[in-house]
Amino acid sequence: MSDHNKLTTVLINDVALAASSYELTKQSSADGKERQLLSIDFVITGGQQYHDVTSTLYQPVVEVSVPEYEVHFQASVHSYFTSIPRLEKETDTVDVHLELIEAGS
């Protein structure tokens, strides 16, 4: 489920992200259950957008929705890293790689 030529809108707790890379796979968890694993790459700017994204990702469980692919599930952050450690100015941008794993029941 990936089209490398266009952006895919991913909603995390209603925070819209324009993902330049999108991949949804299944992963076996420690308890033996299969869970969805969403991997996305996106770019954000400093200031309020950076604050909105990072404060959302600090929550233990988030709502994930990808309307284009009719994907919706609750997840937690599996992996998250950025191209730079912090943003200096509002106009700075940062590349983000995010992996969200479906929350267990």
C-alpha atoms as a PDB file:
ATOM      1  CA  MET A   1       0.000   0.000   0.000  1.00  0.00           C
ATOM      2  CA  SER A   2       2.370   2.651  -1.090  1.00  0.00           C
ATOM      3  CA  ASP A   3       2.545   5.090  -3.958  1.00  0.00           C
ATOM      4  CA  HIS A   4       5.900   6.817  -3.905  1.00  0.00           C
ATOM      5  CA  ASN A   5       4.727   9.542  -6.292  1.00  0.00           C
ATOM      6  CA  LYS A   6       2.121  11.185  -4.074  1.00  0.00           C
ATOM      7  CA  LEU A   7       1.503  12.178  -0.483  1.00  0.00           C
ATOM      8  CA  THR A   8      -0.822  10.130   1.707  1.00  0.00           C
ATOM      9  CA  THR A   9      -2.738  11.897   4.469  1.00  0.00           C
ATOM     10  CA  VAL A  10      -2.354  10.143   7.813  1.00  0.00           C
ATOM     11  CA  LEU A  11      -4.381  11.368  10.804  1.00  0.00           C
ATOM     12  CA  ILE A  12      -3.039  10.790  14.293  1.00  0.00           C
ATOM     13  CA  ASN A  13      -5.563  11.997  16.868  1.00  0.00           C
ATOM     14  CA  ASP A  14      -6.848  14.378  14.154  1.00  0.00           C
ATOM     15  CA  VAL A  15      -3.357  15.831  13.518  1.00  0.00           C
ATOM     16  CA  ALA A  16      -2.980  15.579   9.732  1.00  0.00           C
ATOM     17  CA  LEU A  17       0.389  14.494   8.366  1.00  0.00           C
ATOM     18  CA  ALA A  18       1.358  14.461   4.676  1.00  0.00           C
ATOM     19  CA  ALA A  19       3.281  11.193   4.434  1.00  0.00           C
ATOM     20  CA  SER A  20       5.788  10.966   1.600  1.00  0.00           C
ATOM     21  CA  SER A  21       6.242   7.267   2.357  1.00  0.00           C
ATOM     22  CA  TYR A  22       3.536   4.922   3.669  1.00  0.00           C
ATOM     23  CA  GLU A  23       3.688   1.212   4.449  1.00  0.00           C
ATOM     24  CA  LEU A  24       1.247  -0.938   6.388  1.00  0.00           C
ATOM     25  CA  THR A  25       2.419  -4.433   7.370  1.00  0.00           C
ATOM     26  CA  LYS A  26       1.666  -7.088   9.969  1.00  0.00           C
ATOM     27  CA  GLN A  27       4.038  -7.897  12.816  1.00  0.00           C
ATOM     28  CA  SER A  28       3.905 -10.655  15.408  1.00  0.00           C
ATOM     29  CA  SER A  29       4.040  -9.330  18.950  1.00  0.00           C
ATOM     30  CA  ALA A  30       5.565 -10.924  22.036  1.00  0.00           C
ATOM     31  CA  ASP A  31       2.168 -12.382  22.982  1.00  0.00           C
ATOM     32  CA  GLY A  32       1.978 -14.155  19.604  1.00  0.00           C
ATOM     33  CA  LYS A  33      -0.749 -11.953  18.125  1.00  0.00           C
ATOM     34  CA  GLU A  34      -0.428 -10.240  14.776  1.00  0.00           C
ATOM     35  CA  ARG A  35      -0.718  -6.474  14.858  1.00  0.00           C
ATOM     36  CA  GLN A  36      -0.701  -3.794  12.174  1.00  0.00           C
ATOM     37  CA  LEU A  37       2.524  -1.798  11.862  1.00  0.00           C
ATOM     38  CA  LEU A  38       2.330   1.533  10.070  1.00  0.00           C
ATOM     39  CA  SER A  39       5.574   3.141   8.871  1.00  0.00           C
ATOM     40  CA  ILE A  40       5.511   6.678   7.498  1.00  0.00           C
ATOM     41  CA  ASP A  41       7.948   9.430   6.602  1.00  0.00           C
ATOM     42  CA  PHE A  42       6.930  13.081   6.642  1.00  0.00           C
ATOM     43  CA  VAL A  43       8.317  16.599   7.007  1.00  0.00           C
ATOM     44  CA  ILE A  44       7.215  19.129   9.619  1.00  0.00           C
ATOM     45  CA  THR A  45       8.177  22.692  10.396  1.00  0.00           C
ATOM     46  CA  GLY A  46       9.187  24.245  13.701  1.00  0.00           C
ATOM     47  CA  GLY A  47       6.887  26.015  16.099  1.00  0.00           C
ATOM     48  CA  GLN A  48       3.278  24.961  16.495  1.00  0.00           C
ATOM     49  CA  GLN A  49       3.342  22.097  13.970  1.00  0.00           C
ATOM     50  CA  TYR A  50       6.342  20.502  15.693  1.00  0.00           C
ATOM     51  CA  HIS A  51       4.662  20.986  19.083  1.00  0.00           C
ATOM     52  CA  ASP A  52       1.361  19.477  17.870  1.00  0.00           C
ATOM     53  CA  VAL A  53       3.038  16.387  16.422  1.00  0.00           C
ATOM     54  CA  THR A  54       5.429  15.706  19.303  1.00  0.00           C
ATOM     55  CA  SER A  55       2.823  16.269  22.035  1.00  0.00           C
ATOM     56  CA  THR A  56       0.473  13.876  20.216  1.00  0.00           C
ATOM     57  CA  LEU A  57       3.176  11.212  19.976  1.00  0.00           C
ATOM     58  CA  TYR A  58       3.874  11.420  23.730  1.00  0.00           C
ATOM     59  CA  GLN A  59       0.420   9.961  24.411  1.00  0.00           C
ATOM     60  CA  PRO A  60       0.513   6.236  25.249  1.00  0.00           C
ATOM     61  CA  VAL A  61      -2.202   5.344  22.696  1.00  0.00           C
ATOM     62  CA  VAL A  62      -3.311   7.331  19.644  1.00  0.00           C
ATOM     63  CA  GLU A  63      -6.061   6.994  17.041  1.00  0.00           C
ATOM     64  CA  VAL A  64      -4.627   6.344  13.577  1.00  0.00           C
ATOM     65  CA  SER A  65      -6.631   6.894  10.432  1.00  0.00           C
ATOM     66  CA  VAL A  66      -5.662   6.731   6.765  1.00  0.00           C
ATOM     67  CA  PRO A  67      -8.899   7.610   4.954  1.00  0.00           C
ATOM     68  CA  GLU A  68      -7.470   6.888   1.484  1.00  0.00           C
ATOM     69  CA  TYR A  69      -6.930   3.215   2.410  1.00  0.00           C
ATOM     70  CA  GLU A  70      -9.835   2.885   4.888  1.00  0.00           C
ATOM     71  CA  VAL A  71      -7.382   2.152   7.708  1.00  0.00           C
ATOM     72  CA  HIS A  72      -8.315   2.934  11.309  1.00  0.00           C
ATOM     73  CA  PHE A  73      -6.868   1.541  14.547  1.00  0.00           C
ATOM     74  CA  GLN A  74      -5.479   2.483  17.935  1.00  0.00           C
ATOM     75  CA  ALA A  75      -1.705   2.397  18.177  1.00  0.00           C
ATOM     76  CA  SER A  76       1.350   3.281  20.196  1.00  0.00           C
ATOM     77  CA  VAL A  77       4.702   4.578  19.008  1.00  0.00           C
ATOM     78  CA  HIS A  78       6.985   1.705  18.032  1.00  0.00           C
ATOM     79  CA  SER A  79       9.844   3.817  16.642  1.00  0.00           C
ATOM     80  CA  TYR A  80      10.357   7.524  16.001  1.00  0.00           C
ATOM     81  CA  PHE A  81      13.347   9.496  14.830  1.00  0.00           C
ATOM     82  CA  THR A  82      14.115  12.808  13.184  1.00  0.00           C
ATOM     83  CA  SER A  83      16.811  14.139  10.878  1.00  0.00           C
ATOM     84  CA  ILE A  84      17.919  16.745  13.445  1.00  0.00           C
ATOM     85  CA  PRO A  85      17.661  16.711  17.253  1.00  0.00           C
ATOM     86  CA  ARG A  86      15.749  19.998  17.582  1.00  0.00           C
ATOM     87  CA  LEU A  87      14.346  22.863  15.584  1.00  0.00           C
ATOM     88  CA  GLU A  88      15.894  26.288  16.052  1.00  0.00           C
ATOM     89  CA  LYS A  89      13.387  28.474  14.176  1.00  0.00           C
ATOM     90  CA  GLU A  90       9.737  28.378  13.089  1.00  0.00           C
ATOM     91  CA  THR A  91      10.875  28.061   9.469  1.00  0.00           C
ATOM     92  CA  ASP A  92      13.190  25.101  10.066  1.00  0.00           C
ATOM     93  CA  THR A  93      12.025  21.732   8.786  1.00  0.00           C
ATOM     94  CA  VAL A  94      12.731  18.242  10.017  1.00  0.00           C
ATOM     95  CA  ASP A  95      12.346  14.853   8.319  1.00  0.00           C
ATOM     96  CA  VAL A  96      10.518  12.379  10.536  1.00  0.00           C
ATOM     97  CA  HIS A  97      10.285   8.589  10.378  1.00  0.00           C
ATOM     98  CA  LEU A  98       7.481   7.149  12.493  1.00  0.00           C
ATOM     99  CA  GLU A  99       6.352   3.590  13.142  1.00  0.00           C
ATOM    100  CA  LEU A 100       3.086   2.956  14.963  1.00  0.00           C
ATOM    101  CA  ILE A 101       2.079  -0.499  16.174  1.00  0.00           C
ATOM    102  CA  GLU A 102      -1.531  -1.498  16.748  1.00  0.00           C
ATOM    103  CA  ALA A 103      -2.382  -1.373  20.445  1.00  0.00           C
ATOM    104  CA  GLY A 104      -3.041  -4.704  22.129  1.00  0.00           C
ATOM    105  CA  SER A 105      -6.362  -5.478  23.739  1.00  0.00           C
END
